[in-house]
């Protein structure tokens, strides 16, 4: 499902104009990205959590040049679904 399809579905279900729904969806995504970029987790009860995970520094190999490189520690965004969400998807 794409963002446009989500907007259409919400607009159809609620009767709110698509432009307003799109603004809300964009605002939600912007808020989540901003929070994660600043190291804050986002918890949506019954849906899941958008969390920041820290990856440790590791060594890797560049096979084409036959060299070893070090990948520094860095943060990545992750999503952890709520138990209710997992049950619903498992059906």
N, C-alpha and C. Protein backbone atom coordinates (compact mmCIF):
# COMPACT_ATOMS: atom_id res chain seq x y z
N UNK A 1 0.85 -1.17 0.00
CA UNK A 1 0.00 0.00 0.00
C UNK A 1 0.90 1.24 0.00
N UNK A 2 0.62 2.16 -0.88
CA UNK A 2 1.41 3.38 -0.98
C UNK A 2 0.80 4.49 -0.13
N UNK A 3 1.54 5.58 0.01
CA UNK A 3 1.04 6.72 0.78
C UNK A 3 -0.24 7.26 0.16
N UNK A 4 -0.29 7.33 -1.16
CA UNK A 4 -1.49 7.82 -1.85
C UNK A 4 -2.69 6.92 -1.57
N UNK A 5 -2.46 5.62 -1.54
CA UNK A 5 -3.55 4.69 -1.24
C UNK A 5 -4.02 4.83 0.20
N UNK A 6 -3.10 5.07 1.11
CA UNK A 6 -3.47 5.31 2.51
C UNK A 6 -4.31 6.56 2.62
N UNK A 7 -3.89 7.63 1.95
CA UNK A 7 -4.64 8.89 1.97
C UNK A 7 -6.04 8.68 1.41
N UNK A 8 -6.15 7.98 0.28
CA UNK A 8 -7.46 7.71 -0.33
C UNK A 8 -8.36 6.92 0.61
N UNK A 9 -7.80 5.91 1.26
CA UNK A 9 -8.58 5.06 2.17
C UNK A 9 -9.09 5.86 3.37
N UNK A 10 -8.23 6.67 3.97
CA UNK A 10 -8.64 7.48 5.12
C UNK A 10 -9.68 8.51 4.70
N UNK A 11 -9.48 9.15 3.56
CA UNK A 11 -10.43 10.15 3.07
C UNK A 11 -11.79 9.51 2.82
N UNK A 12 -11.79 8.33 2.23
CA UNK A 12 -13.04 7.63 1.94
C UNK A 12 -13.75 7.22 3.23
N UNK A 13 -12.99 6.74 4.20
CA UNK A 13 -13.56 6.25 5.45
C UNK A 13 -14.09 7.38 6.33
N UNK A 14 -13.35 8.49 6.39
CA UNK A 14 -13.70 9.57 7.31
C UNK A 14 -14.53 10.68 6.67
N UNK A 15 -14.45 10.80 5.36
CA UNK A 15 -15.16 11.89 4.68
C UNK A 15 -14.39 13.19 4.68
N UNK A 16 -13.16 13.17 5.13
CA UNK A 16 -12.31 14.37 5.13
C UNK A 16 -11.65 14.49 3.76
N UNK A 17 -11.43 15.73 3.33
CA UNK A 17 -10.81 15.97 2.02
C UNK A 17 -9.42 15.36 1.95
N UNK A 18 -9.07 14.89 0.75
CA UNK A 18 -7.76 14.24 0.56
C UNK A 18 -6.61 15.17 0.90
N UNK A 19 -6.73 16.45 0.55
CA UNK A 19 -5.64 17.40 0.83
C UNK A 19 -5.38 17.50 2.32
N UNK A 20 -6.44 17.52 3.13
CA UNK A 20 -6.28 17.59 4.58
C UNK A 20 -5.68 16.31 5.15
N UNK A 21 -6.14 15.18 4.63
CA UNK A 21 -5.61 13.89 5.07
C UNK A 21 -4.14 13.79 4.71
N UNK A 22 -3.78 14.21 3.49
CA UNK A 22 -2.38 14.18 3.07
C UNK A 22 -1.52 15.04 3.99
N UNK A 23 -2.01 16.21 4.38
CA UNK A 23 -1.25 17.08 5.28
C UNK A 23 -1.02 16.40 6.63
N UNK A 24 -2.02 15.70 7.14
CA UNK A 24 -1.89 15.00 8.42
C UNK A 24 -0.90 13.85 8.30
N UNK A 25 -1.01 13.06 7.24
CA UNK A 25 -0.10 11.93 7.04
C UNK A 25 1.34 12.43 6.90
N UNK A 26 1.54 13.48 6.10
CA UNK A 26 2.88 14.06 5.94
C UNK A 26 3.40 14.58 7.28
N UNK A 27 2.53 15.23 8.04
CA UNK A 27 2.92 15.74 9.36
C UNK A 27 3.33 14.63 10.30
N UNK A 28 2.60 13.52 10.28
CA UNK A 28 2.94 12.37 11.12
C UNK A 28 4.31 11.82 10.75
N UNK A 29 4.53 11.62 9.46
CA UNK A 29 5.81 11.08 9.01
C UNK A 29 6.96 12.03 9.34
N UNK A 30 6.75 13.32 9.19
CA UNK A 30 7.79 14.31 9.50
C UNK A 30 8.11 14.28 11.00
N UNK A 31 7.09 14.19 11.82
CA UNK A 31 7.30 14.16 13.27
C UNK A 31 8.07 12.91 13.69
N UNK A 32 7.72 11.77 13.10
CA UNK A 32 8.42 10.53 13.43
C UNK A 32 9.88 10.62 13.00
N UNK A 33 10.14 11.10 11.78
CA UNK A 33 11.52 11.23 11.29
C UNK A 33 12.32 12.19 12.17
N UNK A 34 11.72 13.32 12.55
CA UNK A 34 12.41 14.31 13.38
C UNK A 34 12.77 13.71 14.74
N UNK A 35 11.81 13.01 15.34
CA UNK A 35 12.06 12.41 16.66
C UNK A 35 13.18 11.38 16.59
N UNK A 36 13.14 10.51 15.59
CA UNK A 36 14.17 9.48 15.46
C UNK A 36 15.54 10.10 15.16
N UNK A 37 15.56 11.15 14.36
CA UNK A 37 16.83 11.82 14.03
C UNK A 37 17.46 12.44 15.27
N UNK A 38 16.62 12.78 16.25
CA UNK A 38 17.13 13.38 17.49
C UNK A 38 17.23 12.37 18.62
N UNK A 39 17.20 11.07 18.29
CA UNK A 39 17.41 10.02 19.27
C UNK A 39 16.22 9.69 20.14
N UNK A 40 15.05 10.19 19.79
CA UNK A 40 13.84 9.92 20.59
C UNK A 40 13.03 8.81 19.93
N UNK A 41 12.57 7.85 20.72
CA UNK A 41 11.71 6.79 20.21
C UNK A 41 10.27 7.28 20.13
N UNK A 42 9.49 6.68 19.25
CA UNK A 42 8.07 7.04 19.08
C UNK A 42 7.25 5.79 19.38
N UNK A 43 6.32 5.91 20.34
CA UNK A 43 5.49 4.78 20.75
C UNK A 43 4.04 5.04 20.38
N UNK A 44 3.46 4.17 19.57
CA UNK A 44 2.06 4.26 19.18
C UNK A 44 1.34 3.03 19.74
N UNK A 45 0.63 3.22 20.84
CA UNK A 45 -0.01 2.12 21.55
C UNK A 45 -0.94 1.35 20.62
N UNK A 46 -0.82 0.03 20.64
CA UNK A 46 -1.64 -0.84 19.81
C UNK A 46 -1.12 -1.01 18.39
N UNK A 47 -0.15 -0.20 18.00
CA UNK A 47 0.42 -0.29 16.65
C UNK A 47 1.86 -0.77 16.71
N UNK A 48 2.71 -0.02 17.40
CA UNK A 48 4.11 -0.40 17.51
C UNK A 48 4.99 0.76 17.91
N UNK A 49 6.28 0.53 17.88
CA UNK A 49 7.26 1.53 18.28
C UNK A 49 8.28 1.74 17.18
N UNK A 50 8.55 2.99 16.89
CA UNK A 50 9.66 3.36 16.01
C UNK A 50 10.81 3.68 16.94
N UNK A 51 11.88 2.90 16.85
CA UNK A 51 12.98 3.07 17.78
C UNK A 51 14.29 3.30 17.05
N UNK A 52 15.25 3.85 17.78
CA UNK A 52 16.59 4.07 17.25
C UNK A 52 17.48 2.97 17.82
N UNK A 53 18.07 2.18 16.93
CA UNK A 53 18.99 1.13 17.35
C UNK A 53 20.41 1.57 17.04
N UNK A 54 21.32 1.20 17.91
CA UNK A 54 22.72 1.54 17.68
C UNK A 54 23.46 0.31 17.16
N UNK A 55 24.08 0.46 16.03
CA UNK A 55 24.92 -0.60 15.47
C UNK A 55 26.35 -0.37 15.94
N UNK A 56 26.98 -1.41 16.40
CA UNK A 56 28.36 -1.30 16.88
C UNK A 56 29.33 -1.21 15.70
N UNK A 57 30.52 -0.73 16.01
CA UNK A 57 31.58 -0.68 14.99
C UNK A 57 31.95 -2.11 14.60
N UNK A 58 32.21 -2.31 13.31
CA UNK A 58 32.60 -3.65 12.86
C UNK A 58 33.59 -3.54 11.71
N UNK A 59 34.29 -4.65 11.48
CA UNK A 59 35.22 -4.70 10.35
C UNK A 59 34.56 -5.47 9.23
N UNK A 60 34.85 -5.06 8.01
CA UNK A 60 34.29 -5.71 6.82
C UNK A 60 35.40 -5.83 5.78
N UNK A 61 35.13 -6.61 4.77
CA UNK A 61 36.12 -6.82 3.72
C UNK A 61 35.61 -6.26 2.40
N UNK A 62 36.50 -5.55 1.71
CA UNK A 62 36.22 -5.13 0.35
C UNK A 62 36.88 -6.18 -0.55
N UNK A 63 36.07 -7.07 -1.07
CA UNK A 63 36.60 -8.22 -1.81
C UNK A 63 37.30 -7.79 -3.09
N UNK A 64 36.76 -6.77 -3.77
CA UNK A 64 37.36 -6.37 -5.04
C UNK A 64 38.76 -5.79 -4.87
N UNK A 65 39.02 -5.09 -3.77
CA UNK A 65 40.34 -4.50 -3.53
C UNK A 65 41.16 -5.32 -2.55
N UNK A 66 40.55 -6.37 -1.98
CA UNK A 66 41.22 -7.23 -1.01
C UNK A 66 41.75 -6.44 0.18
N UNK A 67 40.89 -5.59 0.72
CA UNK A 67 41.28 -4.78 1.88
C UNK A 67 40.23 -4.94 2.99
N UNK A 68 40.64 -4.59 4.19
CA UNK A 68 39.73 -4.60 5.33
C UNK A 68 39.37 -3.16 5.65
N UNK A 69 38.09 -2.92 5.87
CA UNK A 69 37.64 -1.58 6.23
C UNK A 69 36.88 -1.65 7.55
N UNK A 70 36.85 -0.53 8.25
CA UNK A 70 36.12 -0.46 9.52
C UNK A 70 34.87 0.37 9.29
N UNK A 71 33.74 -0.22 9.62
CA UNK A 71 32.46 0.49 9.55
C UNK A 71 32.20 1.06 10.93
N UNK A 72 32.13 2.39 11.06
CA UNK A 72 31.97 2.98 12.39
C UNK A 72 30.59 2.70 12.99
N UNK A 73 30.47 2.86 14.29
CA UNK A 73 29.19 2.70 14.97
C UNK A 73 28.22 3.75 14.44
N UNK A 74 26.96 3.38 14.29
CA UNK A 74 25.97 4.32 13.78
C UNK A 74 24.57 3.90 14.23
N UNK A 75 23.66 4.82 14.17
CA UNK A 75 22.28 4.57 14.55
C UNK A 75 21.44 4.27 13.33
N UNK A 76 20.45 3.38 13.51
CA UNK A 76 19.52 3.06 12.43
C UNK A 76 18.09 3.10 12.98
N UNK A 77 17.13 3.49 12.16
CA UNK A 77 15.74 3.43 12.60
C UNK A 77 15.21 1.99 12.50
N UNK A 78 14.33 1.62 13.41
CA UNK A 78 13.74 0.29 13.39
C UNK A 78 12.29 0.39 13.85
N UNK A 79 11.50 -0.61 13.47
CA UNK A 79 10.10 -0.66 13.88
C UNK A 79 9.85 -1.96 14.62
N UNK A 80 9.21 -1.86 15.78
CA UNK A 80 8.85 -3.04 16.54
C UNK A 80 7.34 -3.05 16.70
N UNK A 81 6.65 -3.99 16.04
CA UNK A 81 5.19 -4.01 16.11
C UNK A 81 4.69 -4.41 17.50
N UNK A 82 3.52 -3.89 17.87
CA UNK A 82 2.88 -4.23 19.13
C UNK A 82 2.35 -5.65 19.07
N UNK A 83 2.13 -6.25 20.23
CA UNK A 83 1.63 -7.62 20.30
C UNK A 83 0.28 -7.76 19.59
N UNK A 84 -0.60 -6.77 19.76
CA UNK A 84 -1.91 -6.80 19.09
C UNK A 84 -1.74 -6.80 17.57
N UNK A 85 -0.81 -6.00 17.10
CA UNK A 85 -0.53 -5.89 15.67
C UNK A 85 -0.03 -7.21 15.12
N UNK A 86 0.89 -7.86 15.86
CA UNK A 86 1.43 -9.15 15.44
C UNK A 86 0.32 -10.20 15.34
N UNK A 87 -0.57 -10.21 16.32
CA UNK A 87 -1.68 -11.18 16.32
C UNK A 87 -2.58 -10.95 15.10
N UNK A 88 -2.87 -9.70 14.80
CA UNK A 88 -3.76 -9.36 13.68
C UNK A 88 -3.15 -9.81 12.35
N UNK A 89 -1.86 -9.61 12.19
CA UNK A 89 -1.18 -9.98 10.94
C UNK A 89 -1.07 -11.50 10.82
N UNK A 90 -0.92 -12.18 11.96
CA UNK A 90 -0.74 -13.64 11.95
C UNK A 90 -2.01 -14.38 11.55
N UNK A 91 -3.17 -13.74 11.65
CA UNK A 91 -4.43 -14.41 11.31
C UNK A 91 -4.51 -14.78 9.84
